[in-house]
Each structure stands twice: as structure tokens, then as C-alpha cells.
Amino acid sequence: MVSGLAMNCVNYGEVLKMKIYFAGSIRAGRQDVGLYQKIITHIKQYGEVLTEHVGDYSLSIEGQNQLDDKFIHDRDVDWLLSSDIVVAEVTVASLGVGYEIATAVKENIPVVGLFRNNEGIQLSAMISGTDGVQRIDYSDVEEILPQLDDILKERLCKKM
């Protein structure tokens, strides 16, 4: 159930829902899958997470190897283009996540980039320097959940 401000965003008695595209590393490394799962579980209260499988422990670094790359690309781009917002965990450098962010920015889909600043690495200037990405730095996932709530509630209200 959506709480707080989002409860005021009602359309004919029904709580509005969004399509959320979550982006996180798959083939570039699965070390953050638990973190992805926690974020996905949290943001699901605002709508359908189209890419919930990114937080699935059974998805290996080899990705969805039962599907061919063309199918995965086309399916994911379709999901991305149908989304209301992209939430991307960008700490693990990933060509795929960068591609998804660039596509969203080009299509004027809002992007929230989550970057763990305690890893001793720098975020690519191609992500942090783009106007289309709202960057949130954090050291612990619990820090960003209230910020994500505010952003998603605001976006949800704009759907009215």
C-alpha cells in the first residue's frame, strides 16, 4: 500500500500505480544482488517493477542464458520505453545499465541513479554529468529509501 503523500494522489478512488524500470548489473557482476532485491522490494509499493528479475539470486552473472541476447535487448527496451521512471543502482560499472540510462534520458524518462560512495570508486562522468539523472549518493541502503519514497511519490502524483 502506498503511504503518505501518495495517498492524496487518487484517480476516481483508485490509487495510481507506476511502471518502474530497475536497472542493476547482471553480466558485469552480481555482488549487489541482495541490495537490488532490497531496493526492488521497497519500490514495488509504488507500482510494477518491470525488471524484478534483476534482484533474483538465481539469475547468474551469465544472465538469462536460456534467452538469446536479441530477445533480452528487445524485451528490455520495450519495458524501458513503457516505464514512468528508471531507478538504477550504478555502483557496479555496467555497459548495460549505462545503455539503459542513456536510452531513458534520450526518451525523457526520469532516471534516479543510486551510487554507493563508500566503495572507493568514482562514478563515470557520463552518468554523473548528465542532466537527465538525479544522483543519490549513499553508504547504506536504509539512507536512500526515504529519498526514493519522496521521488516516487512526487512522480506518482504527476501521473494524475
Protein backbone atom coordinates (compact mmCIF):
# COMPACT_ATOMS: atom_id res chain seq x y z
CA MET A 1 0.00 0.00 0.00
CA VAL A 2 1.27 3.44 -0.90
CA SER A 3 1.55 5.72 2.10
CA GLY A 4 1.88 9.41 2.95
CA LEU A 5 1.69 11.93 0.13
CA ALA A 6 0.90 9.30 -2.48
CA MET A 7 -2.39 8.57 -0.69
CA ASN A 8 -3.51 12.02 -1.86
CA CYS A 9 -2.89 11.06 -5.48
CA VAL A 10 -6.15 9.31 -6.17
CA ASN A 11 -7.86 8.98 -9.53
CA TYR A 12 -11.55 8.14 -9.20
CA GLY A 13 -10.99 6.29 -5.95
CA GLU A 14 -8.11 4.13 -7.18
CA VAL A 15 -4.53 4.58 -6.10
CA LEU A 16 -2.41 5.22 -9.17
CA LYS A 17 0.49 2.91 -9.90
CA MET A 18 3.61 3.39 -11.96
CA LYS A 19 5.72 1.21 -14.19
CA ILE A 20 9.19 1.25 -12.69
CA TYR A 21 12.27 0.03 -14.53
CA PHE A 22 15.00 -1.06 -12.12
CA ALA A 23 18.49 -1.25 -13.61
CA GLY A 24 21.40 -3.04 -11.97
CA SER A 25 24.41 -5.03 -13.06
CA ILE A 26 23.88 -8.58 -14.27
CA ARG A 27 26.76 -9.65 -16.52
CA ALA A 28 29.21 -7.11 -15.05
CA GLY A 29 28.86 -8.70 -11.60
CA ARG A 30 26.18 -9.94 -9.23
CA GLN A 31 27.82 -8.91 -5.95
CA ASP A 32 24.99 -6.45 -5.21
CA VAL A 33 22.03 -8.73 -5.89
CA GLY A 34 20.92 -8.58 -2.24
CA LEU A 35 20.98 -4.81 -2.35
CA TYR A 36 18.99 -4.82 -5.61
CA GLN A 37 16.44 -7.13 -4.03
CA LYS A 38 16.01 -4.81 -1.05
CA ILE A 39 15.52 -1.75 -3.27
CA ILE A 40 13.10 -3.58 -5.60
CA THR A 41 11.05 -4.87 -2.67
CA HIS A 42 10.78 -1.32 -1.34
CA ILE A 43 9.85 0.42 -4.61
CA LYS A 44 7.21 -2.19 -5.53
CA GLN A 45 4.78 -0.35 -3.27
CA TYR A 46 4.62 2.38 -5.94
CA GLY A 47 3.83 0.14 -8.86
CA GLU A 48 5.01 -2.68 -11.06
CA VAL A 49 8.76 -3.21 -11.20
CA LEU A 50 9.16 -4.41 -14.77
CA THR A 51 12.64 -5.82 -14.17
CA GLU A 52 12.15 -7.52 -10.83
CA HIS A 53 14.36 -10.41 -12.01
CA VAL A 54 17.46 -8.18 -11.56
CA GLY A 55 17.11 -8.78 -7.81
CA ASP A 56 16.72 -12.55 -8.16
CA TYR A 57 19.53 -14.58 -6.59
CA SER A 58 19.01 -17.37 -9.13
CA LEU A 59 20.00 -15.07 -12.00
CA SER A 60 23.71 -15.67 -12.55
CA ILE A 61 26.45 -13.48 -13.96
CA GLU A 62 25.74 -15.20 -17.27
CA GLY A 63 22.31 -13.58 -17.24
CA GLN A 64 19.23 -15.20 -18.64
CA ASN A 65 21.19 -17.72 -20.65
CA GLN A 66 18.06 -19.58 -21.76
CA LEU A 67 17.11 -16.47 -23.80
CA ASP A 68 19.11 -15.08 -26.69
CA ASP A 69 20.65 -11.62 -26.47
CA LYS A 70 18.40 -10.10 -29.15
CA PHE A 71 15.27 -11.22 -27.28
CA ILE A 72 16.59 -9.80 -23.98
CA HIS A 73 17.55 -6.50 -25.63
CA ASP A 74 14.23 -6.01 -27.39
CA ARG A 75 12.16 -7.05 -24.36
CA ASP A 76 14.10 -4.81 -22.01
CA VAL A 77 13.96 -1.81 -24.34
CA ASP A 78 10.18 -2.29 -24.67
CA TRP A 79 9.89 -2.37 -20.87
CA LEU A 80 12.15 0.67 -20.55
CA LEU A 81 10.15 2.71 -23.06
CA SER A 82 6.90 1.83 -21.29
CA SER A 83 8.21 2.87 -17.86
CA ASP A 84 7.33 6.01 -15.94
CA ILE A 85 10.70 6.16 -14.16
CA VAL A 86 14.04 4.36 -14.05
CA VAL A 87 15.74 3.56 -10.76
CA ALA A 88 19.33 2.50 -11.48
CA GLU A 89 21.91 1.24 -8.99
CA VAL A 90 25.10 2.45 -10.69
CA THR A 91 27.87 1.48 -8.27
CA VAL A 92 28.95 -1.59 -10.26
CA ALA A 93 30.06 -0.29 -13.66
CA SER A 94 27.88 -1.93 -16.31
CA LEU A 95 27.63 -1.23 -20.04
CA GLY A 96 24.04 -2.46 -19.98
CA VAL A 97 22.99 -0.10 -17.19
CA GLY A 98 24.72 2.79 -18.98
CA TYR A 99 22.85 1.91 -22.18
CA GLU A 100 19.54 1.78 -20.30
CA ILE A 101 20.20 5.15 -18.66
CA ALA A 102 21.17 6.77 -21.98
CA THR A 103 18.04 5.41 -23.64
CA ALA A 104 15.83 6.68 -20.82
CA VAL A 105 17.44 10.14 -20.85
CA LYS A 106 17.02 10.36 -24.64
CA GLU A 107 13.33 9.47 -24.25
CA ASN A 108 12.84 11.96 -21.37
CA ILE A 109 12.11 9.21 -18.85
CA PRO A 110 13.22 10.35 -15.38
CA VAL A 111 16.24 8.47 -14.02
CA VAL A 112 17.35 8.13 -10.41
CA GLY A 113 20.96 6.95 -10.13
CA LEU A 114 21.91 5.36 -6.81
CA PHE A 115 25.65 5.39 -6.09
CA ARG A 116 27.31 3.84 -3.05
CA ASN A 117 30.03 6.34 -2.24
CA ASN A 118 31.92 4.16 0.24
CA GLU A 119 33.34 1.76 -2.34
CA GLY A 120 36.48 3.78 -3.16
CA ILE A 121 35.46 4.26 -6.79
CA GLN A 122 34.21 7.19 -8.83
CA LEU A 123 31.05 7.21 -10.86
CA SER A 124 31.53 7.76 -14.58
CA ALA A 125 31.20 11.38 -15.64
CA MET A 126 28.88 10.15 -18.40
CA ILE A 127 26.35 9.26 -15.70
CA SER A 128 27.03 11.87 -13.02
CA GLY A 129 27.43 14.65 -15.59
CA THR A 130 24.14 14.19 -17.41
CA ASP A 131 21.22 16.47 -16.60
CA GLY A 132 18.78 13.58 -17.01
CA VAL A 133 19.99 11.64 -13.96
CA GLN A 134 19.04 12.54 -10.41
CA ARG A 135 22.00 11.16 -8.46
CA ILE A 136 21.69 9.96 -4.89
CA ASP A 137 24.91 9.05 -3.07
CA TYR A 138 24.69 6.73 -0.09
CA SER A 139 26.69 4.40 2.11
CA ASP A 140 23.85 2.25 3.46
CA VAL A 141 20.67 1.31 1.59
CA GLU A 142 18.48 2.40 4.52
CA GLU A 143 19.61 6.02 3.87
CA ILE A 144 18.13 6.16 0.39
CA LEU A 145 14.74 4.58 0.98
CA PRO A 146 13.11 7.79 2.32
CA GLN A 147 14.62 9.76 -0.59
CA LEU A 148 13.29 7.20 -3.06
CA ASP A 149 9.88 7.45 -1.37
CA ASP A 150 9.82 11.21 -1.91
CA ILE A 151 10.87 10.94 -5.56
CA LEU A 152 8.42 8.13 -6.37
CA LYS A 153 5.53 9.83 -4.56
CA GLU A 154 6.18 13.04 -6.48
CA ARG A 155 6.32 11.16 -9.78
CA LEU A 156 3.17 9.23 -8.92
CA CYS A 157 1.28 12.45 -8.28
CA LYS A 158 2.37 13.82 -11.66
CA LYS A 159 0.55 10.92 -13.34
CA MET A 160 -2.80 12.42 -12.35
